Amino acid sequence: MNRLIKFTGKRVSDNKRMFGCLIIGNETNTQKEKYHTIVTQNNEQKKTGEFSSHIVKPETVGESICRKDLNGADIYESYKIRDDCDTEYIVIYDKKSSSFKADSQGVYKTLIDFTELDEIEIIK
């Protein structure tokens, strides 16, 4: 079984959100702040085996939760989402249960609690 694990993070240079594979490294700037790298590959690069790397801020990195919102967009850890009752949540990873959860001011729902995919919408 092949499973693609996708990540997102905001690029240091221009705050643009990038999507791809994550490399946790020791990239630093002159202030010795640590950064991670998101590696992307467009269709042309796939033909040649090339890729692009983007230095991203660690606090903006999130893993795909393998679910889509009602508009078909992938949902990632750290995203703000809203359910069909207009309750807002932040998607978090809970280490104790090894699962993604939705946090609404300390009230948690597992993502299984959202019975239908069309209940969830990403808040921009």
N, C-alpha and C. Protein backbone atom coordinates (compact mmCIF):
# COMPACT_ATOMS: atom_id res chain seq x y z
N MET A 1 0.84 -1.18 0.00
CA MET A 1 0.00 0.00 0.00
C MET A 1 0.89 1.24 0.00
N ASN A 2 0.67 2.12 -0.94
CA ASN A 2 1.39 3.38 -1.00
C ASN A 2 0.56 4.46 -0.34
N ARG A 3 1.20 5.21 0.54
CA ARG A 3 0.50 6.30 1.21
C ARG A 3 1.32 7.56 1.05
N LEU A 4 0.71 8.60 0.55
CA LEU A 4 1.38 9.88 0.38
C LEU A 4 1.09 10.75 1.59
N ILE A 5 2.14 11.16 2.27
CA ILE A 5 1.99 12.04 3.43
C ILE A 5 2.40 13.43 2.97
N LYS A 6 1.44 14.36 2.99
CA LYS A 6 1.68 15.71 2.49
C LYS A 6 1.77 16.70 3.65
N PHE A 7 2.56 17.74 3.41
CA PHE A 7 2.74 18.78 4.41
C PHE A 7 2.56 20.15 3.77
N THR A 8 2.33 21.13 4.62
CA THR A 8 2.26 22.52 4.19
C THR A 8 3.05 23.37 5.17
N GLY A 9 3.51 24.50 4.71
CA GLY A 9 4.21 25.46 5.55
C GLY A 9 4.35 26.78 4.80
N LYS A 10 4.51 27.87 5.55
CA LYS A 10 4.64 29.18 4.92
C LYS A 10 6.12 29.50 4.69
N ARG A 11 6.42 29.87 3.45
CA ARG A 11 7.79 30.17 3.04
C ARG A 11 8.31 31.40 3.77
N VAL A 12 9.56 31.34 4.20
CA VAL A 12 10.19 32.44 4.93
C VAL A 12 10.28 33.69 4.06
N SER A 13 10.62 33.52 2.80
CA SER A 13 10.89 34.67 1.93
C SER A 13 9.68 35.56 1.67
N ASP A 14 8.49 34.96 1.53
CA ASP A 14 7.33 35.78 1.16
C ASP A 14 6.02 35.35 1.84
N ASN A 15 6.10 34.44 2.79
CA ASN A 15 4.94 33.97 3.56
C ASN A 15 3.93 33.20 2.71
N LYS A 16 4.32 32.78 1.50
CA LYS A 16 3.43 32.00 0.63
C LYS A 16 3.36 30.57 1.15
N ARG A 17 2.14 30.01 1.17
CA ARG A 17 1.95 28.64 1.64
C ARG A 17 2.41 27.66 0.57
N MET A 18 3.30 26.73 0.95
CA MET A 18 3.83 25.72 0.05
C MET A 18 3.30 24.35 0.48
N PHE A 19 3.19 23.43 -0.48
CA PHE A 19 2.70 22.09 -0.22
C PHE A 19 3.67 21.08 -0.80
N GLY A 20 4.01 20.04 -0.03
CA GLY A 20 4.92 19.02 -0.54
C GLY A 20 5.41 18.12 0.57
N CYS A 21 6.63 17.62 0.40
CA CYS A 21 7.26 16.75 1.39
C CYS A 21 8.04 17.61 2.37
N LEU A 22 8.14 17.15 3.61
CA LEU A 22 8.80 17.92 4.66
C LEU A 22 10.17 17.34 4.98
N ILE A 23 11.15 18.21 5.09
CA ILE A 23 12.48 17.84 5.58
C ILE A 23 12.73 18.68 6.82
N ILE A 24 12.90 18.02 7.96
CA ILE A 24 13.20 18.74 9.19
C ILE A 24 14.71 18.81 9.28
N GLY A 25 15.24 20.02 9.17
CA GLY A 25 16.67 20.17 9.12
C GLY A 25 17.18 21.24 10.04
N ASN A 26 18.41 21.59 9.80
CA ASN A 26 19.06 22.59 10.63
C ASN A 26 19.33 23.87 9.86
N GLU A 27 18.47 24.18 8.90
CA GLU A 27 18.62 25.44 8.17
C GLU A 27 18.49 26.60 9.16
N THR A 28 19.41 27.54 9.11
CA THR A 28 19.35 28.68 10.01
C THR A 28 19.60 29.96 9.25
N ASN A 29 19.13 31.06 9.82
CA ASN A 29 19.44 32.37 9.26
C ASN A 29 20.50 33.02 10.14
N THR A 30 20.77 34.27 9.93
CA THR A 30 21.83 34.94 10.69
C THR A 30 21.50 35.07 12.17
N GLN A 31 20.21 34.99 12.53
CA GLN A 31 19.82 35.04 13.95
C GLN A 31 19.78 33.64 14.57
N LYS A 32 20.24 32.64 13.84
CA LYS A 32 20.30 31.25 14.30
C LYS A 32 18.91 30.66 14.56
N GLU A 33 17.89 31.18 13.87
CA GLU A 33 16.55 30.60 13.97
C GLU A 33 16.51 29.36 13.08
N LYS A 34 15.88 28.31 13.55
CA LYS A 34 15.80 27.06 12.78
C LYS A 34 14.61 27.10 11.83
N TYR A 35 14.80 26.51 10.67
CA TYR A 35 13.75 26.43 9.66
C TYR A 35 13.67 25.01 9.14
N HIS A 36 12.52 24.67 8.55
CA HIS A 36 12.33 23.39 7.89
C HIS A 36 12.23 23.64 6.39
N THR A 37 12.25 22.58 5.61
CA THR A 37 12.19 22.68 4.16
C THR A 37 11.00 21.90 3.63
N ILE A 38 10.24 22.52 2.74
CA ILE A 38 9.19 21.82 1.99
C ILE A 38 9.73 21.62 0.58
N VAL A 39 9.67 20.38 0.11
CA VAL A 39 10.16 20.04 -1.22
C VAL A 39 8.96 19.85 -2.13
N THR A 40 8.98 20.54 -3.28
CA THR A 40 7.88 20.45 -4.24
C THR A 40 8.41 19.98 -5.59
N GLN A 41 7.49 19.48 -6.41
CA GLN A 41 7.87 19.02 -7.74
C GLN A 41 6.71 19.24 -8.68
N ASN A 42 6.91 20.09 -9.71
CA ASN A 42 5.85 20.30 -10.69
C ASN A 42 5.96 19.24 -11.80
N ASN A 43 5.03 19.26 -12.75
CA ASN A 43 4.99 18.23 -13.79
C ASN A 43 6.26 18.19 -14.63
N GLU A 44 6.81 19.34 -14.98
CA GLU A 44 8.05 19.38 -15.76
C GLU A 44 9.21 18.79 -14.96
N GLN A 45 9.28 19.12 -13.69
CA GLN A 45 10.35 18.61 -12.84
C GLN A 45 10.24 17.10 -12.66
N LYS A 46 9.02 16.56 -12.64
CA LYS A 46 8.83 15.11 -12.50
C LYS A 46 9.47 14.37 -13.67
N LYS A 47 9.42 14.96 -14.86
CA LYS A 47 10.00 14.32 -16.05
C LYS A 47 11.52 14.21 -15.94
N THR A 48 12.14 15.18 -15.30
CA THR A 48 13.60 15.21 -15.22
C THR A 48 14.15 14.75 -13.87
N GLY A 49 13.26 14.54 -12.91
CA GLY A 49 13.70 14.13 -11.58
C GLY A 49 14.16 15.29 -10.71
N GLU A 50 13.94 16.51 -11.18
CA GLU A 50 14.33 17.68 -10.41
C GLU A 50 13.24 18.02 -9.40
N PHE A 51 13.56 18.90 -8.47
CA PHE A 51 12.59 19.37 -7.48
C PHE A 51 13.00 20.75 -7.02
N SER A 52 12.11 21.42 -6.31
CA SER A 52 12.40 22.74 -5.72
C SER A 52 12.29 22.61 -4.21
N SER A 53 13.14 23.33 -3.50
CA SER A 53 13.04 23.32 -2.04
C SER A 53 12.76 24.73 -1.56
N HIS A 54 11.95 24.82 -0.50
CA HIS A 54 11.51 26.10 0.03
C HIS A 54 11.70 26.08 1.55
N ILE A 55 12.43 27.06 2.06
CA ILE A 55 12.63 27.17 3.51
C ILE A 55 11.34 27.73 4.11
N VAL A 56 10.78 27.01 5.10
CA VAL A 56 9.51 27.41 5.71
C VAL A 56 9.67 27.57 7.22
N LYS A 57 8.78 28.35 7.79
CA LYS A 57 8.77 28.59 9.24
C LYS A 57 8.19 27.36 9.95
N PRO A 58 8.91 26.79 10.92
CA PRO A 58 8.42 25.58 11.61
C PRO A 58 7.04 25.74 12.23
N GLU A 59 6.72 26.91 12.76
CA GLU A 59 5.43 27.10 13.42
C GLU A 59 4.26 27.10 12.44
N THR A 60 4.54 27.15 11.13
CA THR A 60 3.47 27.13 10.13
C THR A 60 3.32 25.77 9.47
N VAL A 61 4.15 24.79 9.84
CA VAL A 61 4.12 23.47 9.22
C VAL A 61 2.96 22.65 9.77
N GLY A 62 2.26 21.98 8.88
CA GLY A 62 1.17 21.10 9.27
C GLY A 62 1.07 19.92 8.32
N GLU A 63 0.65 18.78 8.85
CA GLU A 63 0.49 17.56 8.06
C GLU A 63 -0.94 17.46 7.54
N SER A 64 -1.09 16.91 6.34
CA SER A 64 -2.42 16.67 5.80
C SER A 64 -3.14 15.66 6.69
N ILE A 65 -4.43 15.89 6.95
CA ILE A 65 -5.20 14.94 7.76
C ILE A 65 -5.94 13.94 6.88
N CYS A 66 -5.67 13.98 5.57
CA CYS A 66 -6.26 13.05 4.60
C CYS A 66 -7.78 13.18 4.51
N ARG A 67 -8.28 14.39 4.67
CA ARG A 67 -9.70 14.69 4.48
C ARG A 67 -9.81 15.99 3.71
N LYS A 68 -10.91 16.15 3.04
CA LYS A 68 -11.18 17.37 2.27
C LYS A 68 -12.37 18.09 2.88
N ASP A 69 -12.40 19.40 2.66
CA ASP A 69 -13.55 20.16 3.14
C ASP A 69 -14.67 20.11 2.10
N LEU A 70 -15.76 20.81 2.36
CA LEU A 70 -16.91 20.75 1.46
C LEU A 70 -16.62 21.31 0.08
N ASN A 71 -15.53 22.06 -0.06
CA ASN A 71 -15.15 22.60 -1.38
C ASN A 71 -14.09 21.74 -2.07
N GLY A 72 -13.73 20.61 -1.45
CA GLY A 72 -12.76 19.70 -2.05
C GLY A 72 -11.31 20.03 -1.75
N ALA A 73 -11.06 20.99 -0.85
CA ALA A 73 -9.69 21.38 -0.49
C ALA A 73 -9.15 20.48 0.62
N ASP A 74 -7.88 20.09 0.52
CA ASP A 74 -7.24 19.28 1.56
C ASP A 74 -7.17 20.06 2.86
N ILE A 75 -7.43 19.37 3.97
CA ILE A 75 -7.35 19.97 5.30
C ILE A 75 -6.02 19.57 5.93
N TYR A 76 -5.33 20.54 6.53
CA TYR A 76 -4.03 20.30 7.16
C TYR A 76 -4.08 20.67 8.64
N GLU A 77 -3.21 20.04 9.39
CA GLU A 77 -2.99 20.40 10.79
C GLU A 77 -2.73 21.90 10.86
N SER A 78 -3.25 22.55 11.85
CA SER A 78 -3.13 24.00 12.12
C SER A 78 -4.13 24.84 11.32
N TYR A 79 -4.90 24.23 10.42
CA TYR A 79 -5.91 24.98 9.69
C TYR A 79 -7.09 25.31 10.61
N LYS A 80 -7.72 26.44 10.33
CA LYS A 80 -8.97 26.79 10.99
C LYS A 80 -10.10 26.26 10.13
N ILE A 81 -11.05 25.56 10.78
CA ILE A 81 -12.19 25.01 10.06
C ILE A 81 -13.48 25.40 10.78
N ARG A 82 -14.60 25.25 10.06
CA ARG A 82 -15.92 25.57 10.62
C ARG A 82 -16.85 24.42 10.25
N ASP A 83 -17.70 24.01 11.22
CA ASP A 83 -18.67 22.95 10.92
C ASP A 83 -19.99 23.57 10.47
N ASP A 84 -20.97 22.71 10.22
CA ASP A 84 -22.25 23.21 9.70
C ASP A 84 -23.08 23.96 10.75
N CYS A 85 -22.63 23.98 12.01
CA CYS A 85 -23.29 24.78 13.06
C CYS A 85 -22.54 26.09 13.29
N ASP A 86 -21.60 26.42 12.41
CA ASP A 86 -20.77 27.62 12.48
C ASP A 86 -19.83 27.65 13.69
N THR A 87 -19.52 26.48 14.27
CA THR A 87 -18.52 26.39 15.32
C THR A 87 -17.15 26.35 14.66
N GLU A 88 -16.22 27.19 15.14
CA GLU A 88 -14.89 27.24 14.58
C GLU A 88 -13.93 26.39 15.40
N TYR A 89 -13.01 25.72 14.70
CA TYR A 89 -12.03 24.84 15.32
C TYR A 89 -10.65 25.10 14.72
N ILE A 90 -9.63 24.66 15.43
CA ILE A 90 -8.28 24.58 14.89
C ILE A 90 -7.91 23.10 14.87
N VAL A 91 -7.40 22.62 13.74
CA VAL A 91 -7.01 21.22 13.62
C VAL A 91 -5.66 21.04 14.31
N ILE A 92 -5.60 20.10 15.26
CA ILE A 92 -4.38 19.83 16.01
C ILE A 92 -4.06 18.34 15.93
N TYR A 93 -2.81 18.01 16.25
CA TYR A 93 -2.43 16.60 16.38
C TYR A 93 -2.27 16.31 17.86
N ASP A 94 -2.99 15.31 18.35
CA ASP A 94 -2.95 14.92 19.74
C ASP A 94 -1.99 13.75 19.90
N LYS A 95 -0.85 13.98 20.54
CA LYS A 95 0.16 12.93 20.69
C LYS A 95 -0.31 11.78 21.56
N LYS A 96 -1.14 12.07 22.56
CA LYS A 96 -1.62 11.01 23.46
C LYS A 96 -2.46 9.97 22.71
N SER A 97 -3.32 10.43 21.82
CA SER A 97 -4.19 9.49 21.09
C SER A 97 -3.66 9.19 19.69
N SER A 98 -2.54 9.83 19.32
CA SER A 98 -1.97 9.68 17.98
C SER A 98 -3.02 9.92 16.90
N SER A 99 -3.75 11.02 17.05
CA SER A 99 -4.79 11.33 16.07
C SER A 99 -4.98 12.83 15.94
N PHE A 100 -5.58 13.21 14.82
CA PHE A 100 -5.92 14.62 14.61
C PHE A 100 -7.25 14.90 15.29
N LYS A 101 -7.35 16.09 15.88
CA LYS A 101 -8.58 16.51 16.53
C LYS A 101 -8.88 17.94 16.14
N ALA A 102 -10.12 18.34 16.37
CA ALA A 102 -10.55 19.71 16.14
C ALA A 102 -10.77 20.35 17.51
N ASP A 103 -10.10 21.46 17.76
CA ASP A 103 -10.14 22.14 19.05
C ASP A 103 -10.93 23.43 18.93
N SER A 104 -12.00 23.54 19.72
CA SER A 104 -12.76 24.78 19.78
C SER A 104 -12.70 25.29 21.21
N GLN A 105 -11.70 26.13 21.48
CA GLN A 105 -11.49 26.74 22.80
C GLN A 105 -11.47 25.69 23.91
N GLY A 106 -10.70 24.63 23.69
CA GLY A 106 -10.55 23.59 24.71
C GLY A 106 -11.58 22.48 24.66
N VAL A 107 -12.55 22.59 23.77
CA VAL A 107 -13.52 21.51 23.56
C VAL A 107 -13.09 20.78 22.29
N TYR A 108 -12.82 19.47 22.42
CA TYR A 108 -12.24 18.72 21.32
C TYR A 108 -13.25 17.78 20.68
N LYS A 109 -13.13 17.65 19.36
CA LYS A 109 -13.87 16.65 18.60
C LYS A 109 -12.85 15.86 17.81
N THR A 110 -13.04 14.54 17.76
CA THR A 110 -12.20 13.78 16.83
C THR A 110 -12.76 14.04 15.45
N LEU A 111 -11.95 13.84 14.45
CA LEU A 111 -12.44 14.11 13.10
C LEU A 111 -13.44 13.05 12.66
N ILE A 112 -13.50 11.94 13.38
CA ILE A 112 -14.54 10.93 13.11
C ILE A 112 -15.90 11.47 13.55
N ASP A 113 -15.92 12.39 14.52
CA ASP A 113 -17.17 12.98 14.99
C ASP A 113 -17.88 13.78 13.90
N PHE A 114 -17.13 14.24 12.92
CA PHE A 114 -17.76 14.91 11.78
C PHE A 114 -18.25 13.80 10.86
N THR A 115 -19.54 13.52 10.88
CA THR A 115 -20.06 12.33 10.22
C THR A 115 -20.02 12.41 8.70
N GLU A 116 -20.07 13.59 8.15
CA GLU A 116 -20.03 13.73 6.70
C GLU A 116 -18.96 14.75 6.32
N LEU A 117 -18.27 14.48 5.22
CA LEU A 117 -17.21 15.38 4.79
C LEU A 117 -17.72 16.77 4.49
N ASP A 118 -18.97 16.89 4.05
CA ASP A 118 -19.48 18.21 3.67
C ASP A 118 -19.84 19.07 4.89
N GLU A 119 -19.58 18.60 6.09
CA GLU A 119 -19.82 19.40 7.28
C GLU A 119 -18.69 20.38 7.57
N ILE A 120 -17.52 20.18 6.99
CA ILE A 120 -16.32 20.93 7.35
C ILE A 120 -15.94 21.90 6.23
N GLU A 121 -15.63 23.14 6.62
CA GLU A 121 -15.16 24.12 5.64
C GLU A 121 -13.93 24.82 6.21
N ILE A 122 -12.91 24.99 5.37
CA ILE A 122 -11.71 25.70 5.79
C ILE A 122 -12.03 27.19 5.86
N ILE A 123 -11.56 27.84 6.93
CA ILE A 123 -11.73 29.29 7.10
C ILE A 123 -10.46 29.95 6.59
N LYS A 124 -10.58 30.84 5.66
CA LYS A 124 -9.40 31.52 5.11
C LYS A 124 -8.97 32.68 5.98
